[in-house]
């Protein structure tokens, strides 16, 4: 495996083989769990770093960040 400056991660060949064997529904479920984990970690981080924000403000910022600014 070769890492380039712009390359963030490389999937190991064994892991790629495992993922290829998953059904589309299983791959979507994995993706959703990863997204939910990112959302939960971001919520915790923002809540700790911005204690003055309401829950609505936190949720708005999470939506903005996870949508790359579209929301």
C-alpha atoms as a PDB file:
ATOM      1  CA  UNK A   1       0.000   0.000   0.000  1.00  0.00           C
ATOM      2  CA  UNK A   2       1.192   3.456  -0.873  1.00  0.00           C
ATOM      3  CA  UNK A   3       0.216   6.602   0.987  1.00  0.00           C
ATOM      4  CA  UNK A   4       0.029   9.858  -0.904  1.00  0.00           C
ATOM      5  CA  UNK A   5      -0.110  13.318   0.682  1.00  0.00           C
ATOM      6  CA  UNK A   6      -3.788  13.654  -0.184  1.00  0.00           C
ATOM      7  CA  UNK A   7      -4.684  10.153   0.914  1.00  0.00           C
ATOM      8  CA  UNK A   8      -6.295   9.959   4.330  1.00  0.00           C
ATOM      9  CA  UNK A   9      -6.529   6.223   4.796  1.00  0.00           C
ATOM     10  CA  UNK A  10      -5.927   2.955   3.043  1.00  0.00           C
ATOM     11  CA  UNK A  11      -8.241  -0.008   3.416  1.00  0.00           C
ATOM     12  CA  UNK A  12      -6.358  -3.185   4.161  1.00  0.00           C
ATOM     13  CA  UNK A  13      -6.872  -5.871   1.497  1.00  0.00           C
ATOM     14  CA  UNK A  14      -8.369  -8.282   4.050  1.00  0.00           C
ATOM     15  CA  UNK A  15     -10.830  -5.638   5.245  1.00  0.00           C
ATOM     16  CA  UNK A  16     -11.747  -4.757   1.658  1.00  0.00           C
ATOM     17  CA  UNK A  17     -12.508  -8.431   1.034  1.00  0.00           C
ATOM     18  CA  UNK A  18     -14.746  -8.580   4.117  1.00  0.00           C
ATOM     19  CA  UNK A  19     -16.612  -5.445   3.041  1.00  0.00           C
ATOM     20  CA  UNK A  20     -17.103  -6.810  -0.481  1.00  0.00           C
ATOM     21  CA  UNK A  21     -18.858  -9.845   1.000  1.00  0.00           C
ATOM     22  CA  UNK A  22     -21.403  -7.693   2.848  1.00  0.00           C
ATOM     23  CA  UNK A  23     -24.838  -7.200   1.371  1.00  0.00           C
ATOM     24  CA  UNK A  24     -25.816  -3.695   0.293  1.00  0.00           C
ATOM     25  CA  UNK A  25     -28.070  -3.445   3.371  1.00  0.00           C
ATOM     26  CA  UNK A  26     -25.186  -4.431   5.657  1.00  0.00           C
ATOM     27  CA  UNK A  27     -22.901  -1.838   4.066  1.00  0.00           C
ATOM     28  CA  UNK A  28     -25.562   0.862   4.454  1.00  0.00           C
ATOM     29  CA  UNK A  29     -26.030  -0.142   8.119  1.00  0.00           C
ATOM     30  CA  UNK A  30     -22.268   0.145   8.693  1.00  0.00           C
ATOM     31  CA  UNK A  31     -22.229   3.567   7.053  1.00  0.00           C
ATOM     32  CA  UNK A  32     -25.162   4.767   9.148  1.00  0.00           C
ATOM     33  CA  UNK A  33     -23.508   3.563  12.370  1.00  0.00           C
ATOM     34  CA  UNK A  34     -20.328   5.433  11.421  1.00  0.00           C
ATOM     35  CA  UNK A  35     -22.355   8.590  10.684  1.00  0.00           C
ATOM     36  CA  UNK A  36     -24.260   8.272  13.994  1.00  0.00           C
ATOM     37  CA  UNK A  37     -20.993   7.811  15.902  1.00  0.00           C
ATOM     38  CA  UNK A  38     -19.538  10.922  14.247  1.00  0.00           C
ATOM     39  CA  UNK A  39     -22.698  12.881  15.110  1.00  0.00           C
ATOM     40  CA  UNK A  40     -22.568  11.722  18.752  1.00  0.00           C
ATOM     41  CA  UNK A  41     -18.864  12.565  19.104  1.00  0.00           C
ATOM     42  CA  UNK A  42     -19.428  15.976  17.548  1.00  0.00           C
ATOM     43  CA  UNK A  43     -22.361  16.630  19.895  1.00  0.00           C
ATOM     44  CA  UNK A  44     -20.208  15.755  22.929  1.00  0.00           C
ATOM     45  CA  UNK A  45     -17.344  17.903  21.705  1.00  0.00           C
ATOM     46  CA  UNK A  46     -19.527  20.916  20.981  1.00  0.00           C
ATOM     47  CA  UNK A  47     -21.455  20.578  24.234  1.00  0.00           C
ATOM     48  CA  UNK A  48     -18.172  20.591  26.176  1.00  0.00           C
ATOM     49  CA  UNK A  49     -16.575  23.400  24.188  1.00  0.00           C
ATOM     50  CA  UNK A  50     -19.720  25.590  23.945  1.00  0.00           C
ATOM     51  CA  UNK A  51     -21.581  25.105  27.250  1.00  0.00           C
ATOM     52  CA  UNK A  52     -23.512  28.338  26.682  1.00  0.00           C
ATOM     53  CA  UNK A  53     -25.206  26.976  23.536  1.00  0.00           C
ATOM     54  CA  UNK A  54     -28.719  25.562  23.714  1.00  0.00           C
ATOM     55  CA  UNK A  55     -29.435  22.074  22.438  1.00  0.00           C
ATOM     56  CA  UNK A  56     -31.055  23.630  19.368  1.00  0.00           C
ATOM     57  CA  UNK A  57     -27.868  25.598  18.617  1.00  0.00           C
ATOM     58  CA  UNK A  58     -25.784  22.452  19.052  1.00  0.00           C
ATOM     59  CA  UNK A  59     -27.999  20.476  16.704  1.00  0.00           C
ATOM     60  CA  UNK A  60     -27.930  23.268  14.122  1.00  0.00           C
ATOM     61  CA  UNK A  61     -24.121  23.368  14.213  1.00  0.00           C
ATOM     62  CA  UNK A  62     -23.897  19.581  13.933  1.00  0.00           C
ATOM     63  CA  UNK A  63     -26.197  19.662  10.884  1.00  0.00           C
ATOM     64  CA  UNK A  64     -24.109  22.434   9.329  1.00  0.00           C
ATOM     65  CA  UNK A  65     -20.852  20.561   9.831  1.00  0.00           C
ATOM     66  CA  UNK A  66     -22.111  17.154   8.722  1.00  0.00           C
ATOM     67  CA  UNK A  67     -23.706  18.674   5.613  1.00  0.00           C
ATOM     68  CA  UNK A  68     -20.504  20.567   4.748  1.00  0.00           C
ATOM     69  CA  UNK A  69     -22.271  23.883   5.246  1.00  0.00           C
ATOM     70  CA  UNK A  70     -25.303  23.207   3.067  1.00  0.00           C
ATOM     71  CA  UNK A  71     -27.698  23.373   6.035  1.00  0.00           C
END
